[in-house]
Amino acid sequence: MKKVEAIIKPFKLDDVREALAEIGITGMTVTEVKGFGRQKGHTELYRGAEYNVDFLPKVSIDIVVADDQVERCVETITKTAQSGKIGDGKIFVTNVERVVRIRTGEENEDAI
């Protein structure tokens, strides 16, 4: 099993969620986050004064999938969230050793 964590632009969330549902991935955790990468934030004008916005709003999507679903999941997120502009985000894939469904006690793939 793998955990796929995608950091994307907030306005892409609904499109990504729908695209993942189409390939059979329905369970996910979504968190509103702030951060920056190479873009290093930006400057905004507010009431005539300039302000540096260092941390930009993003959305983090966490999904745990079986090993055979990882590539399709990553490809779907990449294709759907990509705008071609800086700040589109990143995808991290890590190993998951064990999953337990609290309600039933099911483990690993049965618990996903």
Protein backbone atom coordinates (compact mmCIF):
# COMPACT_ATOMS: atom_id res chain seq x y z
CA MET A 1 0.00 0.00 0.00
CA LYS A 2 1.07 3.56 -0.67
CA LYS A 3 0.06 6.97 0.60
CA VAL A 4 -0.31 9.56 -2.15
CA GLU A 5 -0.16 13.14 -0.89
CA ALA A 6 -0.90 15.83 -3.46
CA ILE A 7 -0.46 19.55 -2.79
CA ILE A 8 -2.53 21.42 -5.38
CA LYS A 9 -4.16 24.78 -6.06
CA PRO A 10 -7.50 25.08 -4.21
CA PHE A 11 -9.61 25.76 -7.31
CA LYS A 12 -8.51 22.40 -8.79
CA LEU A 13 -9.87 20.34 -5.86
CA ASP A 14 -13.32 19.55 -7.29
CA ASP A 15 -11.88 18.55 -10.66
CA VAL A 16 -9.31 16.25 -9.03
CA ARG A 17 -11.90 14.70 -6.71
CA GLU A 18 -14.24 13.96 -9.63
CA ALA A 19 -11.41 12.53 -11.76
CA LEU A 20 -10.30 10.25 -8.90
CA ALA A 21 -13.88 9.07 -8.36
CA GLU A 22 -14.05 8.12 -12.05
CA ILE A 23 -11.11 5.74 -11.61
CA GLY A 24 -12.61 4.23 -8.44
CA ILE A 25 -10.83 6.19 -5.72
CA THR A 26 -13.40 7.64 -3.37
CA GLY A 27 -11.76 7.88 0.05
CA MET A 28 -9.51 10.83 0.74
CA THR A 29 -8.63 13.39 3.36
CA VAL A 30 -8.46 17.04 2.30
CA THR A 31 -6.73 19.76 4.32
CA GLU A 32 -6.40 23.45 3.60
CA VAL A 33 -2.71 24.37 3.90
CA LYS A 34 -0.42 27.29 3.13
CA GLY A 35 3.07 27.18 1.71
CA PHE A 36 5.44 28.09 -1.05
CA GLY A 37 8.01 26.49 -3.28
CA ARG A 38 10.04 28.07 -6.03
CA GLN A 39 7.47 30.81 -6.51
CA LYS A 40 8.33 32.28 -3.08
CA GLY A 41 4.95 33.99 -2.68
CA HIS A 42 3.98 37.26 -4.34
CA THR A 43 3.30 40.95 -3.68
CA GLU A 44 -0.21 42.39 -3.43
CA LEU A 45 -1.50 45.94 -3.30
CA TYR A 46 -4.08 46.71 -0.61
CA ARG A 47 -5.34 50.25 -0.05
CA GLY A 48 -2.30 51.69 -1.74
CA ALA A 49 0.24 49.73 0.31
CA GLU A 50 2.31 46.77 -0.89
CA TYR A 51 2.23 43.55 1.12
CA ASN A 52 4.33 40.44 0.69
CA VAL A 53 2.26 37.27 0.71
CA ASP A 54 4.83 34.60 1.61
CA PHE A 55 2.53 31.65 2.15
CA LEU A 56 0.05 30.87 -0.62
CA PRO A 57 -3.17 28.91 -0.05
CA LYS A 58 -3.02 25.29 -1.21
CA VAL A 59 -4.96 22.08 -0.64
CA SER A 60 -3.41 18.83 0.54
CA ILE A 61 -5.11 15.60 -0.55
CA ASP A 62 -4.12 12.38 1.27
CA ILE A 63 -5.09 9.06 -0.30
CA VAL A 64 -4.05 5.52 0.67
CA VAL A 65 -4.24 3.09 -2.24
CA ALA A 66 -3.19 -0.44 -3.13
CA ASP A 67 0.14 -0.73 -4.94
CA ASP A 68 -1.55 -1.48 -8.28
CA GLN A 69 -3.54 1.81 -8.15
CA VAL A 70 -0.64 4.17 -7.48
CA GLU A 71 0.42 5.00 -11.03
CA ARG A 72 -3.12 5.57 -12.25
CA CYS A 73 -3.82 7.77 -9.22
CA VAL A 74 -0.68 9.89 -9.75
CA GLU A 75 -1.35 10.23 -13.50
CA THR A 76 -4.94 11.31 -12.86
CA ILE A 77 -3.95 13.95 -10.31
CA THR A 78 -1.14 15.24 -12.52
CA LYS A 79 -3.33 15.50 -15.61
CA THR A 80 -6.23 17.12 -13.77
CA ALA A 81 -4.34 19.58 -11.53
CA GLN A 82 -1.83 20.74 -14.14
CA SER A 83 -2.26 24.27 -15.47
CA GLY A 84 1.27 24.66 -16.79
CA LYS A 85 1.95 27.60 -14.50
CA ILE A 86 4.24 27.87 -11.50
CA GLY A 87 2.66 26.69 -8.27
CA ASP A 88 0.68 23.74 -9.67
CA GLY A 89 1.92 21.66 -6.73
CA LYS A 90 3.65 18.39 -5.94
CA ILE A 91 2.78 14.74 -5.38
CA PHE A 92 4.54 12.63 -2.75
CA VAL A 93 4.26 8.82 -2.67
CA THR A 94 5.29 6.97 0.49
CA ASN A 95 5.01 3.42 1.78
CA VAL A 96 2.26 2.51 4.25
CA GLU A 97 3.10 -0.39 6.55
CA ARG A 98 -0.29 -0.99 8.13
CA VAL A 99 -3.86 0.32 8.02
CA VAL A 100 -6.54 -0.54 10.59
CA ARG A 101 -10.23 0.37 10.27
CA ILE A 102 -11.18 1.32 13.81
CA ARG A 103 -14.88 0.37 13.56
CA THR A 104 -14.36 -3.23 12.35
CA GLY A 105 -10.74 -4.04 13.05
CA GLU A 106 -10.14 -4.82 9.35
CA GLU A 107 -6.55 -4.37 8.27
CA ASN A 108 -4.52 -3.29 5.25
CA GLU A 109 -6.32 -3.51 1.85
CA ASP A 110 -9.56 -4.60 3.52
CA ALA A 111 -9.48 -1.41 5.58
CA ILE A 112 -9.04 0.98 2.66
